[in-house]
């Protein structure tokens, strides 16, 4: 698979503070890559280096083979950026902002106009396209800067907390468009604090802590690596002695919480089979049964607190 972003030993130092410490990773062409980490971990600094806003003190970043330090213009022509806060000119209309972006990218005016019209329609801004941006809500501004980033039809899109503080409708619209863009081949680099969003959207996630990458993998693989002991929650229609469950094959521990049992097992398949057989032998019908796998939140909290999975 081709590489969209290739980061090698990227480093940034502010005075005596190393904000990003020799990190290396790749973002594959066509994937949605989530970049996670607590405040101050180096997420924003990394993104600014990747997009050429600030220079690196060491290392290199290439975008589709173009070095961001040496071929900045050619690299930037391949991507769009959606920052967390609006960069649209508030005294211009949405239409004027988009046409200005077209001029900055050297796009043909007629083509830029057609593209602007399509984007405004898709993002629900067409009816207010000639209204000044200062009168827009935060959600409308966020949709507009997404349209601005997409005007030149980039192959790669950088997004920084794209749904932060938005109403449900605006957030869903943006996420739906991101899925559609990715389905059409756009590579997406997503910085977010929203674990549920990252879990649903991302093919892989990278977690940064204190300026260093501590994990990169698919969300499900990170979750499965976090906890070798699986948890199962089960409830029966009658009283069950704890000792009876704990002695079953595949079950390491059984604890009562309310009307349910929390089962710890190294082999969840074997444990579930034992529970079903136990239910049949003792005439204790199973009312509910579910496995409780670690969440991406669990992975994130474990890694950002300094413990490897």
Protein backbone atom coordinates (compact mmCIF):
# COMPACT_ATOMS: atom_id res chain seq x y z
CA UNK A 1 0.00 0.00 0.00
CA UNK A 2 1.28 3.48 -0.91
CA UNK A 3 2.25 5.93 1.82
CA UNK A 4 0.53 9.31 2.05
CA UNK A 5 2.50 10.69 5.03
CA UNK A 6 5.98 9.49 5.97
CA UNK A 7 7.35 10.87 9.24
CA UNK A 8 10.96 10.12 10.18
CA UNK A 9 12.46 11.23 13.51
CA UNK A 10 10.44 14.44 13.54
CA UNK A 11 11.54 16.63 16.44
CA UNK A 12 10.55 20.06 17.77
CA UNK A 13 12.19 21.86 20.69
CA UNK A 14 10.98 25.08 22.31
CA UNK A 15 13.81 26.43 24.45
CA UNK A 16 14.66 23.62 26.84
CA UNK A 17 11.36 21.81 26.29
CA UNK A 18 11.17 18.99 23.74
CA UNK A 19 7.58 19.08 22.49
CA UNK A 20 8.01 16.29 19.92
CA UNK A 21 10.82 13.81 20.43
CA UNK A 22 12.08 11.94 17.32
CA UNK A 23 8.75 10.40 16.31
CA UNK A 24 8.38 8.17 13.25
CA UNK A 25 5.23 6.74 11.67
CA UNK A 26 3.44 6.33 8.36
CA UNK A 27 -0.09 7.10 7.22
CA UNK A 28 -1.20 4.81 4.42
CA UNK A 29 -2.90 6.15 1.36
CA UNK A 30 -6.68 5.78 1.62
CA UNK A 31 -6.92 5.24 5.39
CA UNK A 32 -8.40 7.31 8.20
CA UNK A 33 -5.63 7.74 10.77
CA UNK A 34 -6.53 9.00 14.24
CA UNK A 35 -3.94 10.94 16.24
CA UNK A 36 -4.72 10.86 19.96
CA UNK A 37 -3.12 12.20 23.10
CA UNK A 38 -3.77 14.40 26.15
CA UNK A 39 -3.30 18.17 26.13
CA UNK A 40 0.38 19.04 25.93
CA UNK A 41 1.37 15.64 24.50
CA UNK A 42 2.55 17.09 21.18
CA UNK A 43 -0.48 16.54 18.90
CA UNK A 44 -0.84 20.11 17.68
CA UNK A 45 2.91 20.62 17.29
CA UNK A 46 3.14 17.42 15.26
CA UNK A 47 0.25 18.44 12.99
CA UNK A 48 1.81 21.87 12.44
CA UNK A 49 5.06 20.24 11.39
CA UNK A 50 3.25 17.83 9.06
CA UNK A 51 1.42 20.70 7.36
CA UNK A 52 4.48 22.94 7.12
CA UNK A 53 3.24 25.64 9.50
CA UNK A 54 6.31 25.32 11.72
CA UNK A 55 9.73 23.91 10.80
CA UNK A 56 11.21 20.80 12.38
CA UNK A 57 14.41 20.95 14.38
CA UNK A 58 15.32 17.46 13.18
CA UNK A 59 13.83 14.72 11.03
CA UNK A 60 11.72 14.79 7.89
CA UNK A 61 8.12 14.65 6.69
CA UNK A 62 7.07 13.75 3.17
CA UNK A 63 3.56 14.11 1.74
CA UNK A 64 3.03 11.76 -1.21
CA UNK A 65 6.80 11.79 -1.66
CA UNK A 66 7.21 15.58 -1.41
CA UNK A 67 9.40 16.83 1.45
CA UNK A 68 7.35 19.39 3.40
CA UNK A 69 10.50 21.38 4.18
CA UNK A 70 12.01 21.42 0.69
CA UNK A 71 8.93 21.14 -1.56
CA UNK A 72 6.33 22.93 0.57
CA UNK A 73 4.23 24.25 -2.32
CA UNK A 74 4.01 20.90 -4.11
CA UNK A 75 3.23 19.11 -0.84
CA UNK A 76 0.53 21.61 0.18
CA UNK A 77 -1.18 21.31 -3.17
CA UNK A 78 -1.94 17.69 -2.25
CA UNK A 79 -3.72 18.35 1.07
CA UNK A 80 -6.36 20.46 2.80
CA UNK A 81 -6.45 21.55 6.44
CA UNK A 82 -9.46 21.94 8.74
CA UNK A 83 -8.31 23.62 12.00
CA UNK A 84 -10.30 23.46 15.23
CA UNK A 85 -11.10 27.19 15.11
CA UNK A 86 -12.52 28.87 12.02
CA UNK A 87 -10.05 30.52 9.65
CA UNK A 88 -12.73 31.96 7.37
CA UNK A 89 -12.86 35.73 6.87
CA UNK A 90 -15.89 36.82 8.88
CA UNK A 91 -16.53 40.00 6.87
CA UNK A 92 -16.81 37.99 3.66
CA UNK A 93 -19.66 35.71 2.65
CA UNK A 94 -19.25 31.95 2.40
CA UNK A 95 -19.21 32.24 -1.37
CA UNK A 96 -16.52 34.94 -1.28
CA UNK A 97 -14.38 32.85 1.08
CA UNK A 98 -14.57 29.88 -1.25
CA UNK A 99 -13.78 31.89 -4.35
CA UNK A 100 -10.82 33.45 -2.54
CA UNK A 101 -9.53 29.95 -1.76
CA UNK A 102 -9.89 29.11 -5.43
CA UNK A 103 -7.70 32.09 -6.35
CA UNK A 104 -5.09 31.14 -3.75
CA UNK A 105 -4.87 27.64 -5.23
CA UNK A 106 -4.79 28.99 -8.78
CA UNK A 107 -7.99 27.18 -9.73
CA UNK A 108 -9.93 28.07 -12.87
CA UNK A 109 -12.68 30.48 -11.78
CA UNK A 110 -15.51 28.62 -13.51
CA UNK A 111 -14.39 25.30 -12.04
CA UNK A 112 -14.00 26.88 -8.58
CA UNK A 113 -17.53 28.27 -8.85
CA UNK A 114 -18.98 24.86 -9.74
CA UNK A 115 -17.05 23.20 -6.94
CA UNK A 116 -18.14 25.90 -4.44
CA UNK A 117 -21.78 25.46 -5.40
CA UNK A 118 -21.59 21.68 -4.96
CA UNK A 119 -19.84 21.92 -1.58
CA UNK A 120 -22.27 24.50 -0.22
CA UNK A 121 -25.19 22.30 -1.27
CA UNK A 122 -23.66 19.18 0.26
CA UNK A 123 -22.87 20.92 3.57
CA UNK A 124 -26.24 22.61 3.89
CA UNK A 125 -24.97 26.17 3.42
CA UNK A 126 -26.36 27.00 -0.02
CA UNK A 127 -29.29 29.11 1.22
CA UNK A 128 -26.95 31.29 3.30
CA UNK A 129 -23.98 31.36 0.95
CA UNK A 130 -24.25 35.13 0.44
CA UNK A 131 -24.50 35.93 4.14
CA UNK A 132 -21.43 37.24 5.98
CA UNK A 133 -19.66 34.55 7.98
CA UNK A 134 -19.74 36.61 11.20
CA UNK A 135 -23.48 35.79 11.34
CA UNK A 136 -22.86 32.04 11.16
CA UNK A 137 -23.11 29.64 14.10
CA UNK A 138 -20.03 27.63 15.12
CA UNK A 139 -21.37 24.58 13.31
CA UNK A 140 -21.91 26.55 10.11
CA UNK A 141 -18.40 28.02 10.32
CA UNK A 142 -16.94 24.54 10.79
CA UNK A 143 -18.81 23.27 7.75
CA UNK A 144 -17.56 26.25 5.75
CA UNK A 145 -13.89 25.69 6.58
CA UNK A 146 -14.34 22.05 5.61
CA UNK A 147 -15.68 23.27 2.26
CA UNK A 148 -12.70 25.64 1.95
CA UNK A 149 -10.27 22.79 2.64
CA UNK A 150 -11.96 20.61 0.01
CA UNK A 151 -12.26 23.21 -2.75
CA UNK A 152 -9.10 22.07 -4.60
CA UNK A 153 -10.10 18.40 -4.24
CA UNK A 154 -7.13 17.32 -2.09
CA UNK A 155 -5.99 13.72 -1.80
CA UNK A 156 -5.23 14.18 1.90
CA UNK A 157 -7.21 16.00 4.59
CA UNK A 158 -5.91 17.11 8.00
CA UNK A 159 -8.62 17.71 10.62
CA UNK A 160 -8.13 19.05 14.15
CA UNK A 161 -11.10 18.27 16.43
CA UNK A 162 -13.59 18.75 13.56
CA UNK A 163 -16.72 18.16 15.68
CA UNK A 164 -15.61 19.78 18.96
CA UNK A 165 -18.41 21.85 20.48
CA UNK A 166 -20.79 21.27 17.59
CA UNK A 167 -24.48 20.45 17.77
CA UNK A 168 -25.44 16.86 16.96
CA UNK A 169 -26.75 17.68 13.48
CA UNK A 170 -23.58 19.51 12.39
CA UNK A 171 -21.33 16.82 13.87
CA UNK A 172 -23.21 14.03 12.09
CA UNK A 173 -23.11 15.92 8.81
CA UNK A 174 -19.33 16.39 9.02
CA UNK A 175 -18.69 12.76 10.03
CA UNK A 176 -20.93 11.51 7.23
CA UNK A 177 -19.03 13.61 4.71
CA UNK A 178 -15.69 12.35 6.03
CA UNK A 179 -16.83 8.76 5.52
CA UNK A 180 -17.96 9.56 1.99
CA UNK A 181 -14.68 11.32 1.17
CA UNK A 182 -12.69 8.38 2.48
CA UNK A 183 -14.83 5.93 0.52
CA UNK A 184 -13.88 7.92 -2.59
CA UNK A 185 -10.18 7.57 -1.76
CA UNK A 186 -9.32 10.62 0.34
CA UNK A 187 -6.74 9.95 3.07
CA UNK A 188 -7.70 11.53 6.40
CA UNK A 189 -5.47 12.50 9.33
CA UNK A 190 -7.77 13.14 12.30
CA UNK A 191 -6.71 14.70 15.59
CA UNK A 192 -9.39 14.21 18.23
CA UNK A 193 -10.16 13.77 21.93
CA UNK A 194 -13.38 11.95 21.07
CA UNK A 195 -12.62 8.26 21.62
CA UNK A 196 -15.98 7.07 20.32
CA UNK A 197 -15.48 9.11 17.15
CA UNK A 198 -11.98 7.68 16.66
CA UNK A 199 -13.19 4.13 17.31
CA UNK A 200 -15.97 4.42 14.74
CA UNK A 201 -14.01 6.23 12.03
CA UNK A 202 -10.36 5.21 12.13
CA UNK A 203 -8.59 2.34 10.43
CA UNK A 204 -5.63 2.91 12.75
CA UNK A 205 -4.82 5.25 15.61
CA UNK A 206 -1.54 6.60 16.92
CA UNK A 207 -1.26 7.65 20.57
CA UNK A 208 1.31 10.24 21.62
CA UNK A 209 2.47 10.87 25.20
CA UNK A 210 5.03 13.45 26.31
CA UNK A 211 6.18 13.97 22.73
CA UNK A 212 6.66 10.28 21.91
CA UNK A 213 4.53 7.75 20.07
CA UNK A 214 3.50 5.01 22.51
CA UNK A 215 1.23 2.93 20.25
CA UNK A 216 0.02 2.65 16.67
CA UNK A 217 -2.46 0.02 15.54
CA UNK A 218 -6.07 -0.67 14.61
CA UNK A 219 -8.44 0.23 17.49
CA UNK A 220 -9.59 -3.37 17.97
CA UNK A 221 -6.01 -4.69 18.12
CA UNK A 222 -5.07 -2.08 20.71
CA UNK A 223 -8.10 -3.03 22.78
CA UNK A 224 -7.39 -6.75 22.59
CA UNK A 225 -3.76 -6.17 23.62
CA UNK A 226 -4.78 -4.14 26.66
CA UNK A 227 -6.36 -6.86 28.72
CA UNK A 228 -5.43 -10.51 28.42
CA UNK A 229 -8.22 -11.39 30.89
CA UNK A 230 -11.65 -10.94 29.32
CA UNK A 231 -14.74 -9.94 31.24
CA UNK A 232 -18.20 -11.45 30.89
CA UNK A 233 -21.39 -10.16 32.48
CA UNK A 234 -24.19 -12.69 33.08
CA UNK A 235 -27.46 -12.84 35.00
CA UNK A 236 -29.67 -15.82 35.89
CA UNK A 237 -33.30 -16.12 36.85
CA UNK A 238 -32.39 -17.61 40.22
CA UNK A 239 -29.79 -17.56 43.01
CA UNK A 240 -26.38 -19.01 42.15
CA UNK A 241 -23.63 -19.67 44.74
CA UNK A 242 -20.39 -17.88 43.80
CA UNK A 243 -18.30 -20.98 44.34
CA UNK A 244 -20.27 -22.87 41.71
CA UNK A 245 -19.39 -20.36 38.97
CA UNK A 246 -15.76 -19.82 39.98
CA UNK A 247 -15.09 -23.54 39.73
CA UNK A 248 -16.28 -23.78 36.10
CA UNK A 249 -13.76 -24.50 33.35
CA UNK A 250 -12.35 -21.33 31.77
CA UNK A 251 -13.45 -19.01 34.59
CA UNK A 252 -10.79 -17.37 36.74
CA UNK A 253 -13.01 -15.29 39.00
CA UNK A 254 -16.74 -14.67 39.61
CA UNK A 255 -18.07 -11.65 41.54
CA UNK A 256 -21.64 -10.60 42.25
CA UNK A 257 -22.62 -6.99 41.42
CA UNK A 258 -26.30 -6.27 41.92
CA UNK A 259 -28.32 -8.88 40.06
CA UNK A 260 -25.46 -9.74 37.70
CA UNK A 261 -22.25 -11.75 37.83
CA UNK A 262 -18.95 -10.30 36.62
CA UNK A 263 -16.86 -13.16 35.22
CA UNK A 264 -13.13 -12.92 34.51
CA UNK A 265 -11.84 -15.43 31.96
CA UNK A 266 -8.71 -16.07 29.95
CA UNK A 267 -10.69 -17.89 27.28
CA UNK A 268 -14.10 -16.22 26.80
CA UNK A 269 -15.38 -18.87 24.38
CA UNK A 270 -14.68 -21.67 26.86
CA UNK A 271 -16.15 -19.65 29.74
CA UNK A 272 -19.38 -18.93 27.85
CA UNK A 273 -19.76 -22.61 26.93
CA UNK A 274 -19.28 -23.51 30.62
CA UNK A 275 -21.92 -20.98 31.69
CA UNK A 276 -24.45 -22.30 29.16
CA UNK A 277 -23.80 -25.91 30.26
CA UNK A 278 -24.10 -24.85 33.93
CA UNK A 279 -27.40 -23.15 33.18
CA UNK A 280 -28.77 -26.31 31.60
CA UNK A 281 -27.62 -28.61 34.41
CA UNK A 282 -29.08 -26.46 37.21
CA UNK A 283 -32.21 -25.21 35.47
CA UNK A 284 -31.08 -21.62 35.95
CA UNK A 285 -32.07 -19.77 32.78
CA UNK A 286 -29.63 -17.12 31.52
CA UNK A 287 -31.41 -13.76 31.32
CA UNK A 288 -28.53 -11.66 29.95
CA UNK A 289 -24.99 -12.45 28.81
CA UNK A 290 -22.45 -10.13 27.22
CA UNK A 291 -18.69 -9.84 26.86
CA UNK A 292 -17.13 -6.62 28.14
CA UNK A 293 -14.07 -5.96 26.00
CA UNK A 294 -11.74 -3.05 26.80
CA UNK A 295 -12.81 0.20 25.12
CA UNK A 296 -10.60 2.62 23.22
CA UNK A 297 -11.03 4.91 26.23
CA UNK A 298 -9.40 2.20 28.37
CA UNK A 299 -6.49 1.94 25.94
CA UNK A 300 -6.08 5.71 25.78
CA UNK A 301 -6.12 6.16 29.56
CA UNK A 302 -3.71 3.27 30.12
CA UNK A 303 -1.18 4.49 27.56
CA UNK A 304 -1.35 8.18 28.40
CA UNK A 305 -0.81 7.36 32.07
CA UNK A 306 2.43 5.68 31.13
CA UNK A 307 1.68 1.95 31.15
CA UNK A 308 2.12 -0.18 28.04
CA UNK A 309 -0.74 -2.56 27.12
